[in-house]
Amino acid sequence: MHKRYNDFNTYLRSIFGCRVQKITIDAGLSCPNRDGTISTGGCIYCNVRGSGTGAHAKGLSVTDQVIQGKKALSKRYKAKKFISYFQSFSNTYGPFDRLKILYEQALAIEDVVGLSIGTRPDCVDEQILQLLQSYVKKYLVWIEYGLQSANESTLAFINRGHDVNCFKKAVLATKNRGIKICAHVILGLPNEKKAHVLETARAISDMEIDGIKIHLLYVVRGTKLDKLYSAGQYRCLEQQEYADLVCDFLEHIPKNIVIQRLTGDPHPEELVAPLWALKKTENMALIKKTLEKRDTWQGKFATD
């Protein structure tokens, strides 16, 4: 049986010849959608931790987090090499000199072979991109831009604070620098149907980026989405619904694009719904089973 999607682990092994794992870093940075620059509420699904680990609040430096992560991932996955992944909030948003120090602390640890920066498309400029470009000779460098949806009405409803054109501009500014570009998308957003998901898949495909992370929209305690859910104004996807949507999405993504993630990782203590979101192994198995049952694969309907 041929491989049904272009997974990240295989991609990394093809470059480095061994198991490579991402080390999640919480650098204590903020977001213009929270600090008042754009808004104070943030996206409707995001809480005050910004999907982070909370490590910065516990006093752990970037160096501490990388060393601890390396130790844990070596033991759990027998990983030999590592990518430092700045995950929570917007990791190109802050004083340039501080960001440079943070990135270089994350790269300074032995066996770290790459850097991945999660951020917003409205939080990059020429100076930041030149800095990231300066690392590509020695390291694998990814920048991960949150798009979430290519539907403008959805972006407005979730209080994203930018439009699709902003994302396109960031992608164009990043291209031809040796920096790999990953887009984040969310399935199950309010008022979205299958047609909206396919619209997003086609829009991303047209931009010729390098990778995609697919997330499930789940309800986190204390968010605006939590209020909508409690009021009966938002319905979570069922487990099979989500698996079907992932397969629909993948069918329209060109085979060369690396799929970095097929679902999310909610913090159990924060999750309101759906509870099946915690069953990552089961969810991954269901997606693979659904691909097989439908005899479909990434890029089946994509126009290369």
Protein backbone atom coordinates (compact mmCIF):
# COMPACT_ATOMS: atom_id res chain seq x y z
CA MET A 1 0.00 0.00 0.00
CA HIS A 2 1.34 3.45 -0.91
CA LYS A 3 1.77 6.11 1.79
CA ARG A 4 -1.43 8.06 2.16
CA TYR A 5 0.06 11.35 3.40
CA ASN A 6 3.43 13.05 3.60
CA ASP A 7 4.16 12.86 7.32
CA PHE A 8 6.63 15.02 9.23
CA ASN A 9 8.59 12.25 10.94
CA THR A 10 9.45 10.62 7.63
CA TYR A 11 10.42 14.00 6.19
CA LEU A 12 12.80 14.70 9.10
CA ARG A 13 14.30 11.21 8.96
CA SER A 14 14.98 11.68 5.24
CA ILE A 15 17.05 14.79 6.06
CA PHE A 16 18.85 13.72 9.24
CA GLY A 17 18.79 9.92 9.00
CA CYS A 18 17.44 9.46 12.53
CA ARG A 19 14.48 10.20 14.79
CA VAL A 20 14.05 13.97 15.25
CA GLN A 21 11.65 15.48 17.79
CA LYS A 22 10.40 18.99 18.42
CA ILE A 23 11.03 20.48 21.86
CA THR A 24 8.19 22.80 22.81
CA ILE A 25 9.31 26.15 24.20
CA ASP A 26 7.28 28.76 26.08
CA ALA A 27 9.29 32.00 25.85
CA GLY A 28 6.80 34.18 27.72
CA LEU A 29 6.05 36.33 24.67
CA SER A 30 2.72 38.00 24.00
CA CYS A 31 0.34 38.57 21.09
CA PRO A 32 -0.98 41.79 19.49
CA ASN A 33 -4.44 40.26 19.63
CA ARG A 34 -4.20 40.18 23.43
CA ASP A 35 -2.04 43.11 24.53
CA GLY A 36 -4.34 45.77 23.06
CA THR A 37 -2.44 46.44 19.83
CA ILE A 38 -5.22 44.77 17.83
CA SER A 39 -7.53 43.49 20.56
CA THR A 40 -7.48 42.42 24.20
CA GLY A 41 -9.66 39.34 23.84
CA GLY A 42 -7.55 37.19 21.54
CA CYS A 43 -9.02 34.59 19.20
CA ILE A 44 -12.23 33.10 20.59
CA TYR A 45 -10.62 29.68 21.18
CA CYS A 46 -7.43 30.91 22.86
CA ASN A 47 -6.94 31.26 26.60
CA VAL A 48 -4.42 33.25 28.64
CA ARG A 49 -1.77 30.53 28.22
CA GLY A 50 -1.90 30.81 24.43
CA SER A 51 -1.64 27.03 23.98
CA GLY A 52 1.62 27.10 25.88
CA THR A 53 3.11 24.79 28.46
CA GLY A 54 3.28 27.42 31.19
CA ALA A 55 7.02 26.74 31.55
CA HIS A 56 7.98 30.43 31.41
CA ALA A 57 5.60 31.26 34.25
CA LYS A 58 7.33 28.55 36.30
CA GLY A 59 10.63 30.36 35.86
CA LEU A 60 12.20 28.00 33.32
CA SER A 61 14.56 29.67 30.85
CA VAL A 62 14.67 28.69 27.18
CA THR A 63 17.91 26.82 27.88
CA ASP A 64 16.29 24.93 30.77
CA GLN A 65 13.29 23.99 28.62
CA VAL A 66 15.46 22.69 25.77
CA ILE A 67 17.66 20.63 28.12
CA GLN A 68 14.64 19.13 29.91
CA GLY A 69 12.81 18.48 26.64
CA LYS A 70 15.83 16.81 25.11
CA LYS A 71 16.16 14.48 28.07
CA ALA A 72 12.45 13.52 28.07
CA LEU A 73 12.17 13.03 24.30
CA SER A 74 15.39 11.01 24.11
CA LYS A 75 13.94 8.63 26.66
CA ARG A 76 10.41 8.47 25.23
CA TYR A 77 11.11 8.35 21.48
CA LYS A 78 14.82 7.45 21.35
CA ALA A 79 15.26 10.74 19.48
CA LYS A 80 18.80 11.64 18.44
CA LYS A 81 18.28 15.16 17.09
CA PHE A 82 15.94 17.99 18.06
CA ILE A 83 14.15 21.06 16.76
CA SER A 84 13.54 23.93 19.17
CA TYR A 85 9.90 24.93 18.70
CA PHE A 86 8.68 28.28 19.99
CA GLN A 87 4.98 27.48 20.33
CA SER A 88 2.91 29.69 22.63
CA PHE A 89 1.57 33.06 21.46
CA SER A 90 3.43 35.01 18.72
CA ASN A 91 7.13 34.25 18.72
CA THR A 92 8.29 37.00 16.39
CA TYR A 93 6.45 39.60 18.47
CA GLY A 94 8.78 41.43 20.82
CA PRO A 95 11.97 43.52 20.87
CA PHE A 96 14.32 42.29 18.15
CA ASP A 97 17.34 41.99 20.46
CA ARG A 98 15.37 39.85 22.91
CA LEU A 99 14.06 37.57 20.18
CA LYS A 100 17.58 37.08 18.81
CA ILE A 101 18.85 36.06 22.24
CA LEU A 102 15.95 33.62 22.73
CA TYR A 103 16.44 31.96 19.33
CA GLU A 104 20.17 31.61 19.82
CA GLN A 105 19.76 30.15 23.30
CA ALA A 106 17.46 27.54 21.75
CA LEU A 107 20.00 26.70 19.04
CA ALA A 108 23.02 26.55 21.35
CA ILE A 109 22.24 23.14 22.87
CA GLU A 110 24.01 20.08 21.46
CA ASP A 111 22.00 17.98 18.96
CA VAL A 112 19.57 20.81 18.20
CA VAL A 113 19.45 20.81 14.40
CA GLY A 114 16.55 23.14 13.75
CA LEU A 115 14.37 26.03 14.79
CA SER A 116 10.62 26.34 14.37
CA ILE A 117 8.86 29.61 15.13
CA GLY A 118 5.10 29.75 15.66
CA THR A 119 3.67 33.20 15.00
CA ARG A 120 1.05 35.34 13.27
CA PRO A 121 1.38 36.60 9.69
CA ASP A 122 1.05 40.19 10.92
CA CYS A 123 4.05 39.81 13.26
CA VAL A 124 6.94 39.50 10.83
CA ASP A 125 9.12 42.15 9.23
CA GLU A 126 12.27 42.28 7.12
CA GLN A 127 14.59 42.39 10.15
CA ILE A 128 13.10 39.22 11.67
CA LEU A 129 13.08 37.39 8.36
CA GLN A 130 16.72 38.29 7.73
CA LEU A 131 17.62 36.96 11.18
CA LEU A 132 15.87 33.64 10.54
CA GLN A 133 17.46 33.50 7.09
CA SER A 134 20.88 33.84 8.72
CA TYR A 135 20.35 30.47 10.48
CA VAL A 136 19.46 28.40 7.42
CA LYS A 137 23.05 27.51 6.47
CA LYS A 138 23.51 25.59 9.70
CA TYR A 139 19.95 24.69 10.75
CA LEU A 140 16.59 23.59 9.40
CA VAL A 141 14.39 26.66 9.92
CA TRP A 142 10.59 26.65 9.82
CA ILE A 143 8.22 29.53 10.42
CA GLU A 144 4.65 28.55 11.27
CA TYR A 145 1.99 31.10 10.37
CA GLY A 146 -1.50 30.83 11.80
CA LEU A 147 -4.12 31.17 9.07
CA GLN A 148 -6.87 28.93 10.55
CA SER A 149 -9.26 29.55 7.64
CA ALA A 150 -9.23 31.16 4.19
CA ASN A 151 -12.78 32.38 4.74
CA GLU A 152 -12.89 36.09 5.65
CA SER A 153 -16.21 35.81 7.52
CA THR A 154 -14.76 33.05 9.70
CA LEU A 155 -11.62 35.08 10.46
CA ALA A 156 -13.78 38.02 11.56
CA PHE A 157 -16.06 35.80 13.69
CA ILE A 158 -13.18 34.16 15.55
CA ASN A 159 -11.60 37.59 16.16
CA ARG A 160 -8.45 36.61 14.32
CA GLY A 161 -7.41 40.23 13.77
CA HIS A 162 -6.04 39.79 10.24
CA ASP A 163 -7.35 38.80 6.82
CA VAL A 164 -6.28 36.24 4.24
CA ASN A 165 -4.29 38.83 2.28
CA CYS A 166 -2.13 39.46 5.36
CA PHE A 167 -1.23 35.76 5.37
CA LYS A 168 -0.42 35.85 1.66
CA LYS A 169 1.86 38.86 2.15
CA ALA A 170 3.76 37.10 4.95
CA VAL A 171 4.22 34.00 2.79
CA LEU A 172 5.54 36.07 -0.13
CA ALA A 173 7.91 37.99 2.15
CA THR A 174 9.28 34.71 3.56
CA LYS A 175 9.80 32.87 0.27
CA ASN A 176 13.20 32.47 -1.40
CA ARG A 177 15.11 32.76 1.86
CA GLY A 178 15.60 29.06 2.62
CA ILE A 179 13.03 29.31 5.42
CA LYS A 180 10.37 26.59 5.33
CA ILE A 181 6.77 27.85 5.66
CA CYS A 182 4.05 25.99 7.56
CA ALA A 183 0.40 27.06 7.72
CA HIS A 184 -1.87 26.30 10.66
CA VAL A 185 -5.51 25.53 9.89
CA ILE A 186 -8.39 24.61 12.18
CA LEU A 187 -11.24 22.26 11.26
CA GLY A 188 -14.60 22.61 12.99
CA LEU A 189 -14.66 26.42 13.16
CA PRO A 190 -18.07 28.04 13.84
CA ASN A 191 -20.38 28.19 10.82
CA GLU A 192 -17.91 26.35 8.57
CA LYS A 193 -18.99 23.47 6.35
CA LYS A 194 -17.04 21.07 4.16
CA ALA A 195 -17.03 23.66 1.34
CA HIS A 196 -15.19 26.15 3.57
CA VAL A 197 -12.59 23.52 4.51
CA LEU A 198 -11.94 22.75 0.84
CA GLU A 199 -11.74 26.49 0.10
CA THR A 200 -8.97 26.76 2.70
CA ALA A 201 -7.16 23.70 1.32
CA ARG A 202 -7.20 25.11 -2.22
CA ALA A 203 -6.09 28.58 -1.08
CA ILE A 204 -3.12 27.15 0.80
CA SER A 205 -2.19 24.87 -2.10
CA ASP A 206 -2.09 27.87 -4.44
CA MET A 207 0.47 29.59 -2.21
CA GLU A 208 3.00 26.75 -2.67
CA ILE A 209 4.08 26.52 0.95
CA ASP A 210 6.09 23.70 2.52
CA GLY A 211 3.97 22.34 5.38
CA ILE A 212 0.59 22.33 7.09
CA LYS A 213 -0.61 21.70 10.61
CA ILE A 214 -4.24 20.62 10.91
CA HIS A 215 -5.92 21.30 14.25
CA LEU A 216 -9.24 20.26 15.72
CA LEU A 217 -11.23 23.11 17.24
CA TYR A 218 -11.85 22.15 20.85
CA VAL A 219 -13.39 24.19 23.63
CA VAL A 220 -10.97 25.46 26.26
CA ARG A 221 -12.29 26.60 29.64
CA GLY A 222 -12.56 30.35 30.10
CA THR A 223 -12.53 31.30 26.41
CA LYS A 224 -15.17 33.09 24.35
CA LEU A 225 -15.78 29.80 22.57
CA ASP A 226 -16.53 28.25 25.96
CA LYS A 227 -19.32 30.82 26.44
CA LEU A 228 -20.75 30.08 22.99
CA TYR A 229 -20.62 26.34 23.65
CA SER A 230 -22.27 26.70 27.08
CA ALA A 231 -25.04 28.78 25.52
CA GLY A 232 -25.68 26.11 22.88
CA GLN A 233 -24.38 28.36 20.10
CA TYR A 234 -21.52 26.13 19.04
CA ARG A 235 -21.48 22.38 18.33
CA CYS A 236 -18.24 20.42 18.39
CA LEU A 237 -17.43 17.98 15.62
CA GLU A 238 -17.98 14.29 16.29
CA GLN A 239 -14.91 12.07 16.09
CA GLN A 240 -15.78 10.49 12.72
CA GLU A 241 -16.86 13.88 11.33
CA TYR A 242 -13.41 15.21 12.09
CA ALA A 243 -11.66 12.22 10.53
CA ASP A 244 -13.74 12.65 7.37
CA LEU A 245 -12.92 16.38 7.17
CA VAL A 246 -9.21 15.70 7.59
CA CYS A 247 -9.38 13.24 4.70
CA ASP A 248 -11.36 15.73 2.57
CA PHE A 249 -8.75 18.38 3.31
CA LEU A 250 -5.78 16.12 2.55
CA GLU A 251 -7.24 15.11 -0.81
CA HIS A 252 -6.85 18.72 -1.99
CA ILE A 253 -3.30 19.28 -0.68
CA PRO A 254 -0.40 18.56 -3.09
CA LYS A 255 1.69 15.52 -2.18
CA ASN A 256 4.90 17.51 -1.73
CA ILE A 257 3.51 19.53 1.21
CA VAL A 258 4.60 18.05 4.55
CA ILE A 259 1.77 17.34 7.01
CA GLN A 260 3.22 18.29 10.37
CA ARG A 261 0.10 17.53 12.38
CA LEU A 262 -3.31 15.90 11.90
CA THR A 263 -4.95 16.92 15.18
CA GLY A 264 -4.30 18.96 18.32
CA ASP A 265 -3.13 18.26 21.87
CA PRO A 266 -5.47 19.88 24.41
CA HIS A 267 -4.41 20.24 28.02
CA PRO A 268 -6.72 17.80 29.88
CA GLU A 269 -7.30 20.19 32.79
CA GLU A 270 -8.49 22.94 30.42
CA LEU A 271 -10.59 20.93 27.98
CA VAL A 272 -14.38 21.38 28.04
CA ALA A 273 -15.30 19.52 24.83
CA PRO A 274 -15.13 17.31 22.88
CA LEU A 275 -13.61 14.81 25.31
CA TRP A 276 -12.56 12.51 22.47
CA ALA A 277 -9.96 15.18 21.58
CA LEU A 278 -7.79 13.68 24.34
CA LYS A 279 -7.62 10.32 22.54
CA LYS A 280 -4.81 11.25 20.16
CA THR A 281 -3.65 7.72 19.35
CA GLU A 282 -7.24 6.64 18.67
CA ASN A 283 -7.90 9.74 16.57
CA MET A 284 -4.79 9.20 14.46
CA ALA A 285 -5.76 5.56 13.92
CA LEU A 286 -9.26 6.61 12.88
CA ILE A 287 -7.94 9.10 10.32
CA LYS A 288 -5.65 6.45 8.82
CA LYS A 289 -8.48 3.89 8.81
CA THR A 290 -10.77 6.40 7.08
CA LEU A 291 -8.17 7.10 4.40
CA GLU A 292 -7.85 3.37 3.79
CA LYS A 293 -11.59 2.76 3.80
CA ARG A 294 -12.12 5.52 1.26
CA ASP A 295 -9.00 4.39 -0.65
CA THR A 296 -7.86 7.99 -0.77
CA TRP A 297 -4.67 9.93 -0.12
CA GLN A 298 -3.08 13.35 0.11
CA GLY A 299 -3.20 15.08 -3.26
CA LYS A 300 -5.81 12.83 -4.85
CA PHE A 301 -7.75 15.86 -6.11
CA ALA A 302 -4.95 18.43 -5.97
CA THR A 303 -3.73 20.25 -9.05
CA ASP A 304 0.05 20.20 -8.86
